[in-house]
């Protein structure tokens, strides 16, 4: 009789332990599902924020590309000469915004030139869709430094000093030009957005490397 009672007590304890273990497993499953749900919702929320931010940035760029740029000067891009010449060219603007040019372009993959560069080579870069940032001795050193960093991080751009230009800081593209007030002028971003490989460019996306570098030596590029 005592043995039967002992067996019954043992079975009861085992059953109680089994129920307790099952309860723990249920709690753990619920906790795991809850944590997973929070993580998933967090990731979804983060992804939504990132996508919205990207969409807002794209919309802002598109709006900037369509908006006019204050005090911008324009020339008919189709009326600008495009002959390849190896003789000096007299341009009507300083810096030039197009016209006949040297067969080899200046490298313009975010190139910062510390010394003046040949106009005829730079114009060829404009034909390929580059934006040319130029500055005179009147430009503050801090602005020049900021612009150098911007150009260095932007493909299809180049920068160089042009001492006899009319403005302290100017931006030129094929058929387009603007004088800005400083490195923080919002027209700089707008000009880059509109005219880096812009629609008015005769050969947008053509080579911006393999041309003439800072040392004046020409690479493999010719006649494009």
N, C-alpha and C. Protein backbone atom coordinates (compact mmCIF):
# COMPACT_ATOMS: atom_id res chain seq x y z
N UNK A 1 0.83 -1.20 0.00
CA UNK A 1 0.00 0.00 0.00
C UNK A 1 0.87 1.25 0.00
N UNK A 2 1.88 1.25 0.88
CA UNK A 2 2.82 2.39 0.95
C UNK A 2 3.58 2.54 -0.36
N UNK A 3 3.93 1.40 -0.97
CA UNK A 3 4.66 1.44 -2.25
C UNK A 3 3.81 2.06 -3.33
N UNK A 4 2.50 1.73 -3.33
CA UNK A 4 1.59 2.30 -4.34
C UNK A 4 1.48 3.81 -4.18
N UNK A 5 1.42 4.23 -2.88
CA UNK A 5 1.32 5.66 -2.62
C UNK A 5 2.57 6.40 -3.09
N UNK A 6 3.73 5.76 -2.86
CA UNK A 6 5.01 6.36 -3.27
C UNK A 6 5.10 6.48 -4.77
N UNK A 7 4.63 5.44 -5.47
CA UNK A 7 4.64 5.49 -6.94
C UNK A 7 3.71 6.58 -7.46
N UNK A 8 2.57 6.68 -6.81
CA UNK A 8 1.60 7.70 -7.22
C UNK A 8 2.16 9.11 -7.00
N UNK A 9 2.82 9.31 -5.84
CA UNK A 9 3.42 10.62 -5.56
C UNK A 9 4.51 10.96 -6.58
N UNK A 10 5.31 9.92 -6.92
CA UNK A 10 6.38 10.14 -7.88
C UNK A 10 5.81 10.52 -9.26
N UNK A 11 4.74 9.80 -9.66
CA UNK A 11 4.12 10.12 -10.94
C UNK A 11 3.53 11.53 -10.93
N UNK A 12 2.97 11.90 -9.80
CA UNK A 12 2.37 13.24 -9.68
C UNK A 12 3.45 14.33 -9.81
N UNK A 13 4.59 14.06 -9.11
CA UNK A 13 5.69 15.04 -9.20
C UNK A 13 6.22 15.16 -10.62
N UNK A 14 6.35 13.99 -11.28
CA UNK A 14 6.84 13.99 -12.67
C UNK A 14 5.87 14.75 -13.57
N UNK A 15 4.56 14.51 -13.36
CA UNK A 15 3.54 15.21 -14.16
C UNK A 15 3.58 16.71 -13.91
N UNK A 16 3.79 17.05 -12.62
CA UNK A 16 3.86 18.48 -12.28
C UNK A 16 5.08 19.14 -12.94
N UNK A 17 6.22 18.42 -12.91
CA UNK A 17 7.43 18.94 -13.55
C UNK A 17 7.24 19.07 -15.06
N UNK A 18 6.50 18.06 -15.65
CA UNK A 18 6.26 18.11 -17.08
C UNK A 18 5.39 19.33 -17.44
N UNK A 19 4.35 19.56 -16.62
CA UNK A 19 3.48 20.72 -16.88
C UNK A 19 4.25 22.04 -16.73
N UNK A 20 5.12 22.08 -15.70
CA UNK A 20 5.92 23.29 -15.49
C UNK A 20 6.86 23.54 -16.68
N UNK A 21 7.46 22.46 -17.20
CA UNK A 21 8.37 22.57 -18.34
C UNK A 21 7.61 23.04 -19.57
N UNK A 22 6.41 22.46 -19.76
CA UNK A 22 5.59 22.87 -20.90
C UNK A 22 5.19 24.34 -20.79
N UNK A 23 4.88 24.76 -19.56
CA UNK A 23 4.52 26.17 -19.35
C UNK A 23 5.70 27.08 -19.67
N UNK A 24 6.92 26.66 -19.23
CA UNK A 24 8.11 27.45 -19.55
C UNK A 24 8.34 27.54 -21.05
N UNK A 25 8.16 26.40 -21.74
CA UNK A 25 8.34 26.40 -23.19
C UNK A 25 7.36 27.33 -23.88
N UNK A 26 6.09 27.32 -23.40
CA UNK A 26 5.08 28.22 -23.98
C UNK A 26 5.46 29.68 -23.76
N UNK A 27 5.92 29.99 -22.52
CA UNK A 27 6.34 31.37 -22.24
C UNK A 27 7.50 31.78 -23.12
N UNK A 28 8.47 30.87 -23.30
CA UNK A 28 9.63 31.18 -24.13
C UNK A 28 9.23 31.41 -25.59
N UNK A 29 8.29 30.56 -26.06
CA UNK A 29 7.82 30.74 -27.44
C UNK A 29 7.14 32.08 -27.61
N UNK A 30 6.29 32.40 -26.63
CA UNK A 30 5.58 33.69 -26.70
C UNK A 30 6.56 34.85 -26.67
N UNK A 31 7.56 34.73 -25.76
CA UNK A 31 8.57 35.80 -25.65
C UNK A 31 9.37 35.93 -26.95
N UNK A 32 9.76 34.78 -27.52
CA UNK A 32 10.53 34.80 -28.77
C UNK A 32 9.72 35.43 -29.90
N UNK A 33 8.45 35.02 -30.00
CA UNK A 33 7.59 35.59 -31.05
C UNK A 33 7.42 37.09 -30.85
N UNK A 34 7.25 37.47 -29.56
CA UNK A 34 7.08 38.90 -29.27
C UNK A 34 8.31 39.71 -29.65
N UNK A 35 9.48 39.20 -29.27
CA UNK A 35 10.72 39.90 -29.60
C UNK A 35 10.92 39.96 -31.11
N UNK A 36 10.67 38.84 -31.78
CA UNK A 36 10.83 38.79 -33.23
C UNK A 36 9.90 39.79 -33.91
N UNK A 37 8.67 39.88 -33.39
CA UNK A 37 7.71 40.82 -33.97
C UNK A 37 8.19 42.25 -33.82
N UNK A 38 8.71 42.55 -32.62
CA UNK A 38 9.22 43.91 -32.39
C UNK A 38 10.37 44.22 -33.32
N UNK A 39 11.30 43.24 -33.48
CA UNK A 39 12.45 43.44 -34.36
C UNK A 39 12.00 43.64 -35.80
N UNK A 40 11.06 42.78 -36.24
CA UNK A 40 10.56 42.89 -37.62
C UNK A 40 9.88 44.23 -37.83
N UNK A 41 9.04 44.62 -36.89
CA UNK A 41 8.36 45.91 -37.01
C UNK A 41 9.36 47.05 -37.02
N UNK A 42 10.40 46.91 -36.17
CA UNK A 42 11.44 47.94 -36.16
C UNK A 42 12.16 48.04 -37.48
N UNK A 43 12.50 46.87 -38.06
CA UNK A 43 13.19 46.87 -39.35
C UNK A 43 12.30 47.43 -40.45
N UNK A 44 11.02 47.03 -40.41
CA UNK A 44 10.08 47.56 -41.41
C UNK A 44 9.97 49.07 -41.28
N UNK A 45 9.86 49.53 -40.01
CA UNK A 45 9.76 50.97 -39.79
C UNK A 45 11.01 51.70 -40.25
N UNK A 46 12.19 51.13 -39.94
CA UNK A 46 13.45 51.75 -40.36
C UNK A 46 13.55 51.77 -41.88
N UNK A 47 13.17 50.63 -42.50
CA UNK A 47 13.22 50.55 -43.96
C UNK A 47 12.29 51.56 -44.60
N UNK A 48 11.12 51.75 -43.97
CA UNK A 48 10.17 52.74 -44.50
C UNK A 48 10.74 54.14 -44.42
N UNK A 49 11.38 54.44 -43.29
CA UNK A 49 12.00 55.77 -43.12
C UNK A 49 13.10 55.99 -44.15
N UNK A 50 13.95 54.96 -44.34
CA UNK A 50 15.04 55.07 -45.31
C UNK A 50 14.50 55.28 -46.72
N UNK A 51 13.49 54.47 -47.08
CA UNK A 51 12.90 54.59 -48.42
C UNK A 51 12.25 55.95 -48.62
N UNK A 52 11.58 56.44 -47.58
CA UNK A 52 10.93 57.75 -47.68
C UNK A 52 11.98 58.85 -47.84
N UNK A 53 13.07 58.72 -47.06
CA UNK A 53 14.14 59.71 -47.17
C UNK A 53 14.73 59.71 -48.57
N UNK A 54 14.96 58.50 -49.12
CA UNK A 54 15.52 58.39 -50.48
C UNK A 54 14.54 58.98 -51.49
N UNK A 55 13.25 58.70 -51.32
CA UNK A 55 12.24 59.23 -52.23
C UNK A 55 12.20 60.76 -52.15
N UNK A 56 12.30 61.29 -50.92
CA UNK A 56 12.29 62.74 -50.74
C UNK A 56 13.52 63.37 -51.40
N UNK A 57 14.69 62.71 -51.25
CA UNK A 57 15.90 63.22 -51.86
C UNK A 57 15.80 63.21 -53.38
N UNK A 58 15.27 62.12 -53.93
CA UNK A 58 15.10 62.02 -55.38
C UNK A 58 14.13 63.09 -55.89
N UNK A 59 13.05 63.31 -55.12
CA UNK A 59 12.07 64.32 -55.51
C UNK A 59 12.69 65.72 -55.47
N UNK A 60 13.52 65.96 -54.44
CA UNK A 60 14.19 67.26 -54.33
C UNK A 60 15.15 67.48 -55.49
N UNK A 61 15.89 66.42 -55.87
CA UNK A 61 16.82 66.53 -57.00
C UNK A 61 16.07 66.78 -58.30
N UNK A 62 14.95 66.08 -58.45
CA UNK A 62 14.17 66.25 -59.67
C UNK A 62 13.61 67.67 -59.75
N UNK A 63 13.16 68.19 -58.60
CA UNK A 63 12.64 69.56 -58.57
C UNK A 63 13.74 70.55 -58.87
N UNK A 64 14.95 70.29 -58.30
CA UNK A 64 16.09 71.19 -58.56
C UNK A 64 16.49 71.15 -60.02
N UNK A 65 16.38 69.99 -60.64
CA UNK A 65 16.76 69.87 -62.05
C UNK A 65 15.80 70.62 -62.96
N UNK A 66 14.56 70.82 -62.49
CA UNK A 66 13.57 71.51 -63.31
C UNK A 66 13.52 73.00 -63.01
N UNK A 67 13.92 73.39 -61.81
CA UNK A 67 13.81 74.79 -61.39
C UNK A 67 14.87 75.66 -62.06
N UNK A 68 14.53 76.88 -62.42
CA UNK A 68 15.54 77.79 -62.99
C UNK A 68 16.56 78.19 -61.95
N UNK A 69 17.78 78.48 -62.39
CA UNK A 69 18.85 78.91 -61.49
C UNK A 69 19.01 80.43 -61.63
N UNK A 70 18.92 81.13 -60.52
CA UNK A 70 18.98 82.59 -60.54
C UNK A 70 20.29 83.09 -61.15
N UNK A 71 20.16 84.07 -62.04
CA UNK A 71 21.31 84.74 -62.67
C UNK A 71 22.12 83.82 -63.58
N UNK A 72 21.57 82.69 -63.96
CA UNK A 72 22.27 81.78 -64.87
C UNK A 72 22.27 82.37 -66.29
N UNK A 73 23.38 82.22 -66.97
CA UNK A 73 23.49 82.65 -68.37
C UNK A 73 23.48 81.42 -69.28
N UNK A 74 22.82 81.55 -70.41
CA UNK A 74 22.68 80.41 -71.32
C UNK A 74 23.07 80.79 -72.74
N UNK A 75 23.62 79.82 -73.44
CA UNK A 75 23.94 79.94 -74.86
C UNK A 75 23.29 78.76 -75.56
N UNK A 76 22.92 78.93 -76.80
CA UNK A 76 22.33 77.83 -77.56
C UNK A 76 23.40 76.76 -77.74
N UNK A 77 23.26 75.61 -77.08
CA UNK A 77 24.31 74.59 -77.15
C UNK A 77 24.56 74.08 -78.55
N UNK A 78 23.54 74.15 -79.40
CA UNK A 78 23.69 73.64 -80.77
C UNK A 78 24.49 74.59 -81.66
N UNK A 79 24.62 75.85 -81.22
CA UNK A 79 25.34 76.84 -82.03
C UNK A 79 26.80 76.98 -81.60
N UNK A 80 27.19 76.24 -80.58
CA UNK A 80 28.59 76.28 -80.14
C UNK A 80 29.41 75.32 -80.99
N UNK A 81 30.53 75.81 -81.50
CA UNK A 81 31.37 74.97 -82.35
C UNK A 81 31.86 73.73 -81.63
N UNK A 82 32.05 72.67 -82.41
CA UNK A 82 32.52 71.42 -81.80
C UNK A 82 33.67 70.80 -82.59
N UNK A 83 34.34 71.61 -83.39
CA UNK A 83 35.46 71.07 -84.17
C UNK A 83 36.66 70.78 -83.27
N UNK A 84 37.42 69.75 -83.63
CA UNK A 84 38.67 69.44 -82.92
C UNK A 84 39.80 70.18 -83.60
N UNK A 85 40.47 71.02 -82.83
CA UNK A 85 41.56 71.83 -83.37
C UNK A 85 42.75 71.76 -82.42
N UNK A 86 43.92 71.95 -82.96
CA UNK A 86 45.13 71.98 -82.12
C UNK A 86 45.81 73.34 -82.19
N UNK A 87 45.05 74.34 -82.60
CA UNK A 87 45.53 75.72 -82.63
C UNK A 87 44.77 76.52 -81.57
N UNK A 88 45.28 77.68 -81.15
CA UNK A 88 44.59 78.48 -80.13
C UNK A 88 43.18 78.85 -80.58
N UNK A 89 42.27 78.93 -79.61
CA UNK A 89 40.88 79.30 -79.89
C UNK A 89 40.54 80.53 -79.06
N UNK A 90 39.93 81.53 -79.69
CA UNK A 90 39.50 82.74 -78.98
C UNK A 90 38.03 82.57 -78.59
N UNK A 91 37.79 82.44 -77.33
CA UNK A 91 36.43 82.24 -76.85
C UNK A 91 35.79 83.57 -76.47
N UNK A 92 34.45 83.61 -76.57
CA UNK A 92 33.72 84.85 -76.26
C UNK A 92 33.46 85.02 -74.78
N UNK A 93 33.60 83.97 -74.01
CA UNK A 93 33.34 84.04 -72.58
C UNK A 93 34.56 83.57 -71.80
N UNK A 94 34.61 84.00 -70.56
CA UNK A 94 35.71 83.60 -69.67
C UNK A 94 35.11 83.16 -68.35
N UNK A 95 35.20 81.89 -68.00
CA UNK A 95 35.72 80.77 -68.77
C UNK A 95 34.79 80.44 -69.94
N UNK A 96 35.26 79.73 -70.93
CA UNK A 96 34.39 79.36 -72.06
C UNK A 96 33.36 78.32 -71.66
N UNK A 97 32.25 78.31 -72.40
CA UNK A 97 31.16 77.36 -72.11
C UNK A 97 30.92 76.43 -73.30
N UNK A 98 31.83 76.42 -74.24
CA UNK A 98 31.68 75.57 -75.41
C UNK A 98 32.43 76.17 -76.58
N UNK A 99 32.43 75.45 -77.67
CA UNK A 99 33.13 75.92 -78.86
C UNK A 99 34.13 74.88 -79.34
N UNK A 100 34.85 75.24 -80.39
CA UNK A 100 35.89 74.35 -80.90
C UNK A 100 36.90 74.07 -79.78
N UNK A 101 37.50 72.89 -79.81
CA UNK A 101 38.35 72.52 -78.69
C UNK A 101 39.40 71.49 -79.11
N UNK A 102 40.34 71.26 -78.22
CA UNK A 102 41.42 70.31 -78.48
C UNK A 102 40.87 68.89 -78.56
N UNK A 103 41.48 68.02 -79.35
CA UNK A 103 41.00 66.64 -79.47
C UNK A 103 41.04 65.85 -78.16
N UNK A 104 41.88 66.28 -77.21
CA UNK A 104 41.98 65.56 -75.93
C UNK A 104 41.36 66.40 -74.82
N UNK A 105 40.56 65.78 -73.98
CA UNK A 105 39.89 66.47 -72.88
C UNK A 105 40.78 66.51 -71.64
N UNK A 106 40.44 67.42 -70.72
CA UNK A 106 41.04 67.40 -69.39
C UNK A 106 40.36 66.30 -68.58
N UNK A 107 41.13 65.57 -67.80
CA UNK A 107 40.52 64.59 -66.90
C UNK A 107 39.53 65.31 -65.98
N UNK A 108 38.36 64.75 -65.83
CA UNK A 108 37.30 65.46 -65.10
C UNK A 108 36.52 64.55 -64.16
N UNK A 109 37.17 63.52 -63.68
CA UNK A 109 36.51 62.61 -62.74
C UNK A 109 36.74 63.09 -61.31
N UNK A 110 36.19 64.29 -61.01
CA UNK A 110 36.42 64.89 -59.70
C UNK A 110 37.84 65.40 -59.55
N UNK A 111 38.34 66.09 -60.59
CA UNK A 111 39.74 66.53 -60.61
C UNK A 111 39.87 67.97 -60.11
N UNK A 112 40.79 68.18 -59.16
CA UNK A 112 41.08 69.51 -58.63
C UNK A 112 42.48 69.91 -59.12
N UNK A 113 42.53 70.92 -59.97
CA UNK A 113 43.80 71.41 -60.51
C UNK A 113 44.20 72.68 -59.76
N UNK A 114 45.39 72.69 -59.25
CA UNK A 114 45.87 73.83 -58.46
C UNK A 114 46.38 74.97 -59.33
N UNK A 115 46.66 74.67 -60.60
CA UNK A 115 47.16 75.68 -61.52
C UNK A 115 46.21 75.82 -62.71
N UNK A 116 46.27 76.95 -63.43
CA UNK A 116 45.41 77.12 -64.61
C UNK A 116 45.60 75.98 -65.61
N UNK A 117 44.52 75.62 -66.28
CA UNK A 117 44.56 74.53 -67.25
C UNK A 117 44.20 75.07 -68.63
N UNK A 118 44.60 74.38 -69.71
CA UNK A 118 44.28 74.84 -71.06
C UNK A 118 42.77 74.87 -71.31
N UNK A 119 42.28 76.01 -71.77
CA UNK A 119 40.84 76.15 -72.00
C UNK A 119 40.33 75.16 -73.04
N UNK A 120 41.12 74.94 -74.08
CA UNK A 120 40.65 74.08 -75.16
C UNK A 120 40.45 72.64 -74.70
N UNK A 121 41.25 72.20 -73.75
CA UNK A 121 41.06 70.85 -73.21
C UNK A 121 39.87 70.82 -72.25
N UNK A 122 39.70 71.88 -71.46
CA UNK A 122 38.59 71.94 -70.51
C UNK A 122 37.25 71.99 -71.25
N UNK A 123 37.20 72.69 -72.36
CA UNK A 123 35.95 72.77 -73.14
C UNK A 123 35.56 71.38 -73.65
N UNK A 124 36.57 70.59 -74.02
CA UNK A 124 36.27 69.22 -74.45
C UNK A 124 35.63 68.44 -73.30
N UNK A 125 36.07 68.69 -72.06
CA UNK A 125 35.46 68.04 -70.90
C UNK A 125 33.99 68.47 -70.76
N UNK A 126 33.72 69.75 -71.00
CA UNK A 126 32.33 70.22 -70.94
C UNK A 126 31.47 69.49 -71.95
N UNK A 127 32.04 69.24 -73.12
CA UNK A 127 31.30 68.53 -74.17
C UNK A 127 30.90 67.13 -73.71
N UNK A 128 31.69 66.56 -72.81
CA UNK A 128 31.41 65.21 -72.31
C UNK A 128 30.47 65.21 -71.10
N UNK A 129 30.05 66.41 -70.67
CA UNK A 129 29.10 66.49 -69.57
C UNK A 129 29.66 66.94 -68.25
N UNK A 130 30.89 67.45 -68.25
CA UNK A 130 31.50 67.89 -67.00
C UNK A 130 31.03 69.30 -66.62
N UNK A 131 31.05 69.57 -65.33
CA UNK A 131 30.87 70.92 -64.80
C UNK A 131 32.24 71.41 -64.34
N UNK A 132 32.59 72.61 -64.76
CA UNK A 132 33.91 73.18 -64.49
C UNK A 132 33.76 74.29 -63.45
N UNK A 133 34.33 74.11 -62.28
CA UNK A 133 34.31 75.10 -61.21
C UNK A 133 35.60 75.91 -61.28
N UNK A 134 35.47 77.22 -61.37
CA UNK A 134 36.66 78.07 -61.47
C UNK A 134 36.60 79.19 -60.43
N UNK A 135 37.77 79.69 -60.06
CA UNK A 135 37.82 80.73 -59.04
C UNK A 135 39.00 81.67 -59.33
N UNK A 136 38.84 82.91 -58.91
CA UNK A 136 39.92 83.90 -59.06
C UNK A 136 40.58 84.14 -57.71
N UNK A 137 41.55 85.03 -57.69
CA UNK A 137 42.25 85.35 -56.44
C UNK A 137 41.33 86.04 -55.43
N UNK A 138 40.17 86.52 -55.90
CA UNK A 138 39.22 87.17 -54.99
C UNK A 138 38.43 86.17 -54.16
N UNK A 139 38.45 84.91 -54.53
CA UNK A 139 37.68 83.90 -53.80
C UNK A 139 38.33 83.62 -52.44
N UNK A 140 37.56 83.63 -51.36
CA UNK A 140 38.12 83.32 -50.03
C UNK A 140 38.71 81.91 -50.00
N UNK A 141 39.81 81.76 -49.30
CA UNK A 141 40.49 80.46 -49.23
C UNK A 141 39.58 79.37 -48.66
N UNK A 142 38.73 79.74 -47.67
CA UNK A 142 37.83 78.76 -47.07
C UNK A 142 36.83 78.24 -48.09
N UNK A 143 36.34 79.13 -48.97
CA UNK A 143 35.40 78.72 -50.01
C UNK A 143 36.08 77.80 -51.02
N UNK A 144 37.30 78.14 -51.37
CA UNK A 144 38.05 77.31 -52.33
C UNK A 144 38.24 75.91 -51.76
N UNK A 145 38.56 75.82 -50.47
CA UNK A 145 38.78 74.52 -49.84
C UNK A 145 37.49 73.69 -49.84
N UNK A 146 36.36 74.33 -49.51
CA UNK A 146 35.07 73.62 -49.52
C UNK A 146 34.73 73.10 -50.91
N UNK A 147 34.97 73.94 -51.91
CA UNK A 147 34.65 73.54 -53.28
C UNK A 147 35.56 72.42 -53.76
N UNK A 148 36.82 72.45 -53.33
CA UNK A 148 37.74 71.37 -53.70
C UNK A 148 37.22 70.03 -53.18
N UNK A 149 36.72 70.03 -51.94
CA UNK A 149 36.19 68.79 -51.37
C UNK A 149 34.96 68.32 -52.13
N UNK A 150 34.11 69.27 -52.52
CA UNK A 150 32.90 68.91 -53.25
C UNK A 150 33.24 68.32 -54.61
N UNK A 151 34.15 68.96 -55.31
CA UNK A 151 34.55 68.48 -56.63
C UNK A 151 35.24 67.12 -56.51
N UNK A 152 36.09 66.99 -55.52
CA UNK A 152 36.82 65.74 -55.32
C UNK A 152 35.87 64.56 -55.12
N UNK A 153 34.67 64.83 -54.62
CA UNK A 153 33.69 63.76 -54.35
C UNK A 153 32.59 63.68 -55.41
N UNK A 154 32.76 64.40 -56.53
CA UNK A 154 31.71 64.42 -57.55
C UNK A 154 32.30 64.08 -58.91
N UNK A 155 31.87 62.97 -59.47
CA UNK A 155 32.36 62.60 -60.79
C UNK A 155 31.85 63.57 -61.85
N UNK A 156 32.54 63.65 -62.96
CA UNK A 156 32.25 64.58 -64.06
C UNK A 156 32.27 66.04 -63.60
N UNK A 157 33.28 66.35 -62.79
CA UNK A 157 33.55 67.74 -62.42
C UNK A 157 35.06 67.96 -62.44
N UNK A 158 35.43 69.20 -62.61
CA UNK A 158 36.83 69.60 -62.50
C UNK A 158 36.88 71.02 -61.96
N UNK A 159 38.01 71.40 -61.40
CA UNK A 159 38.14 72.70 -60.77
C UNK A 159 39.53 73.24 -61.00
N UNK A 160 39.62 74.55 -61.28
CA UNK A 160 40.93 75.17 -61.51
C UNK A 160 40.83 76.68 -61.32
N UNK A 161 41.95 77.33 -61.06
CA UNK A 161 41.94 78.80 -60.97
C UNK A 161 41.90 79.45 -62.34
N UNK A 162 41.13 80.55 -62.44
CA UNK A 162 41.11 81.38 -63.65
C UNK A 162 41.16 82.82 -63.17
N UNK A 163 42.33 83.41 -63.13
CA UNK A 163 42.51 84.69 -62.47
C UNK A 163 41.78 85.85 -63.15
N UNK A 164 41.60 85.79 -64.47
CA UNK A 164 41.01 86.92 -65.17
C UNK A 164 39.52 86.74 -65.47
N UNK A 165 38.85 85.84 -64.75
CA UNK A 165 37.41 85.70 -64.94
C UNK A 165 36.68 86.82 -64.20
N UNK A 166 35.46 87.17 -64.63
CA UNK A 166 34.76 88.31 -64.03
C UNK A 166 34.26 88.08 -62.61
N UNK A 167 33.97 86.84 -62.24
CA UNK A 167 33.45 86.55 -60.90
C UNK A 167 34.48 85.83 -60.05
N UNK A 168 34.31 85.92 -58.73
CA UNK A 168 35.26 85.24 -57.83
C UNK A 168 35.12 83.73 -57.95
N UNK A 169 33.87 83.23 -58.01
CA UNK A 169 33.61 81.80 -58.14
C UNK A 169 32.56 81.60 -59.24
N UNK A 170 32.88 80.78 -60.22
CA UNK A 170 31.96 80.56 -61.34
C UNK A 170 31.85 79.07 -61.65
N UNK A 171 30.70 78.69 -62.16
CA UNK A 171 30.47 77.31 -62.59
C UNK A 171 30.07 77.34 -64.07
N UNK A 172 30.69 76.46 -64.84
CA UNK A 172 30.41 76.42 -66.27
C UNK A 172 30.09 75.00 -66.70
N UNK A 173 29.12 74.87 -67.59
CA UNK A 173 28.80 73.61 -68.26
C UNK A 173 28.64 73.97 -69.74
N UNK A 174 28.41 72.98 -70.57
CA UNK A 174 28.24 73.25 -72.00
C UNK A 174 27.01 74.13 -72.20
N UNK A 175 27.24 75.40 -72.60
CA UNK A 175 26.15 76.33 -72.86
C UNK A 175 25.53 76.96 -71.63
N UNK A 176 26.12 76.74 -70.44
CA UNK A 176 25.54 77.28 -69.20
C UNK A 176 26.64 77.83 -68.31
N UNK A 177 26.31 78.89 -67.56
CA UNK A 177 27.29 79.47 -66.65
C UNK A 177 26.59 80.30 -65.58
N UNK A 178 27.15 80.27 -64.38
CA UNK A 178 26.60 81.08 -63.29
C UNK A 178 27.75 81.51 -62.38
N UNK A 179 27.63 82.73 -61.86
CA UNK A 179 28.55 83.23 -60.85
C UNK A 179 27.85 83.13 -59.50
N UNK A 180 28.51 82.52 -58.51
CA UNK A 180 27.88 82.30 -57.21
C UNK A 180 28.53 83.17 -56.14
N UNK A 181 27.85 83.27 -55.00
CA UNK A 181 28.31 84.15 -53.93
C UNK A 181 29.34 83.51 -53.01
N UNK A 182 29.41 82.18 -53.00
CA UNK A 182 30.35 81.49 -52.12
C UNK A 182 30.13 79.99 -52.18
N UNK A 183 30.91 79.26 -51.41
CA UNK A 183 30.85 77.80 -51.46
C UNK A 183 29.54 77.24 -50.92
N UNK A 184 28.81 78.02 -50.12
CA UNK A 184 27.55 77.55 -49.56
C UNK A 184 26.34 78.02 -50.36
N UNK A 185 26.57 78.67 -51.47
CA UNK A 185 25.47 79.13 -52.32
C UNK A 185 24.68 77.92 -52.82
N UNK A 186 23.36 77.86 -52.57
CA UNK A 186 22.56 76.70 -52.99
C UNK A 186 22.53 76.49 -54.51
N UNK A 187 22.90 77.51 -55.26
CA UNK A 187 22.92 77.35 -56.71
C UNK A 187 24.00 76.38 -57.18
N UNK A 188 25.00 76.14 -56.34
CA UNK A 188 26.06 75.19 -56.71
C UNK A 188 25.48 73.79 -56.84
N UNK A 189 24.75 73.35 -55.81
CA UNK A 189 24.13 72.02 -55.86
C UNK A 189 23.13 71.95 -57.01
N UNK A 190 22.37 73.01 -57.21
CA UNK A 190 21.39 73.02 -58.29
C UNK A 190 22.08 72.91 -59.65
N UNK A 191 23.19 73.61 -59.82
CA UNK A 191 23.92 73.58 -61.09
C UNK A 191 24.49 72.19 -61.34
N UNK A 192 25.05 71.58 -60.29
CA UNK A 192 25.58 70.23 -60.42
C UNK A 192 24.45 69.26 -60.81
N UNK A 193 23.32 69.39 -60.12
CA UNK A 193 22.20 68.48 -60.39
C UNK A 193 21.71 68.60 -61.82
N UNK A 194 21.64 69.81 -62.32
CA UNK A 194 21.10 70.02 -63.66
C UNK A 194 22.09 69.70 -64.77
N UNK A 195 23.38 69.98 -64.55
CA UNK A 195 24.30 69.98 -65.68
C UNK A 195 25.45 68.99 -65.64
N UNK A 196 25.62 68.25 -64.56
CA UNK A 196 26.58 67.13 -64.62
C UNK A 196 25.96 66.08 -65.54
N UNK A 197 26.57 65.89 -66.70
CA UNK A 197 26.00 65.03 -67.75
C UNK A 197 24.58 65.48 -68.09
N UNK A 198 24.40 66.80 -68.16
CA UNK A 198 23.08 67.37 -68.39
C UNK A 198 22.54 67.13 -69.79
N UNK A 199 21.25 67.37 -69.97
CA UNK A 199 20.60 67.10 -71.26
C UNK A 199 21.08 68.00 -72.40
N UNK A 200 21.66 69.15 -72.06
CA UNK A 200 22.16 70.07 -73.10
C UNK A 200 23.55 69.68 -73.60
N UNK A 201 24.14 68.68 -72.93
CA UNK A 201 25.50 68.25 -73.26
C UNK A 201 25.53 67.45 -74.56
N UNK A 202 26.42 67.76 -75.49
CA UNK A 202 26.47 67.01 -76.75
C UNK A 202 26.80 65.53 -76.57
N UNK A 203 27.73 65.22 -75.64
CA UNK A 203 28.16 63.82 -75.47
C UNK A 203 28.15 63.44 -73.99
N UNK A 204 26.97 63.47 -73.35
CA UNK A 204 26.93 63.17 -71.91
C UNK A 204 27.39 61.75 -71.61
N UNK A 205 28.32 61.64 -70.68
CA UNK A 205 28.81 60.33 -70.28
C UNK A 205 30.00 59.83 -71.07
N UNK A 206 30.46 60.63 -72.04
CA UNK A 206 31.69 60.24 -72.74
C UNK A 206 32.85 60.31 -71.75
N UNK A 207 34.00 59.79 -72.13
CA UNK A 207 35.12 59.61 -71.20
C UNK A 207 35.50 60.88 -70.46
N UNK A 208 35.78 60.70 -69.17
CA UNK A 208 36.27 61.81 -68.34
C UNK A 208 37.63 61.47 -67.74
N UNK A 209 38.17 60.32 -68.12
CA UNK A 209 39.52 59.92 -67.73
C UNK A 209 40.28 59.56 -69.00
N UNK A 210 41.59 59.38 -68.86
CA UNK A 210 42.40 59.04 -70.02
C UNK A 210 42.75 60.22 -70.88
N UNK A 211 42.47 61.43 -70.37
CA UNK A 211 42.80 62.64 -71.11
C UNK A 211 44.05 63.30 -70.58
N UNK A 212 44.03 64.63 -70.49
CA UNK A 212 45.17 65.39 -69.99
C UNK A 212 45.06 65.50 -68.47
N UNK A 213 46.16 65.23 -67.77
CA UNK A 213 46.18 65.32 -66.32
C UNK A 213 46.87 66.58 -65.83
N UNK A 214 47.09 66.64 -64.53
CA UNK A 214 47.70 67.82 -63.92
C UNK A 214 49.12 68.06 -64.42
N UNK A 215 49.79 66.99 -64.85
CA UNK A 215 51.15 67.13 -65.33
C UNK A 215 51.22 67.57 -66.79
N UNK A 216 50.04 67.73 -67.41
CA UNK A 216 49.99 68.17 -68.79
C UNK A 216 50.16 67.08 -69.80
N UNK A 217 50.39 65.85 -69.33
CA UNK A 217 50.59 64.72 -70.24
C UNK A 217 49.24 64.15 -70.65
N UNK A 218 49.11 63.83 -71.93
CA UNK A 218 47.87 63.27 -72.44
C UNK A 218 47.86 61.76 -72.29
N UNK A 219 46.68 61.23 -72.01
CA UNK A 219 46.52 59.79 -71.92
C UNK A 219 46.15 59.22 -73.27
N UNK A 220 45.31 58.20 -73.24
CA UNK A 220 44.98 57.49 -74.48
C UNK A 220 43.84 58.16 -75.24
N UNK A 221 43.12 59.07 -74.59
CA UNK A 221 41.93 59.63 -75.23
C UNK A 221 42.25 60.58 -76.38
N UNK A 222 41.59 60.37 -77.49
CA UNK A 222 41.75 61.24 -78.65
C UNK A 222 40.47 61.22 -79.46
N UNK A 223 40.07 62.40 -79.90
CA UNK A 223 39.06 62.52 -80.92
C UNK A 223 37.64 62.11 -80.56
N UNK A 224 37.32 62.03 -79.27
CA UNK A 224 35.95 61.67 -78.92
C UNK A 224 35.15 62.89 -78.55
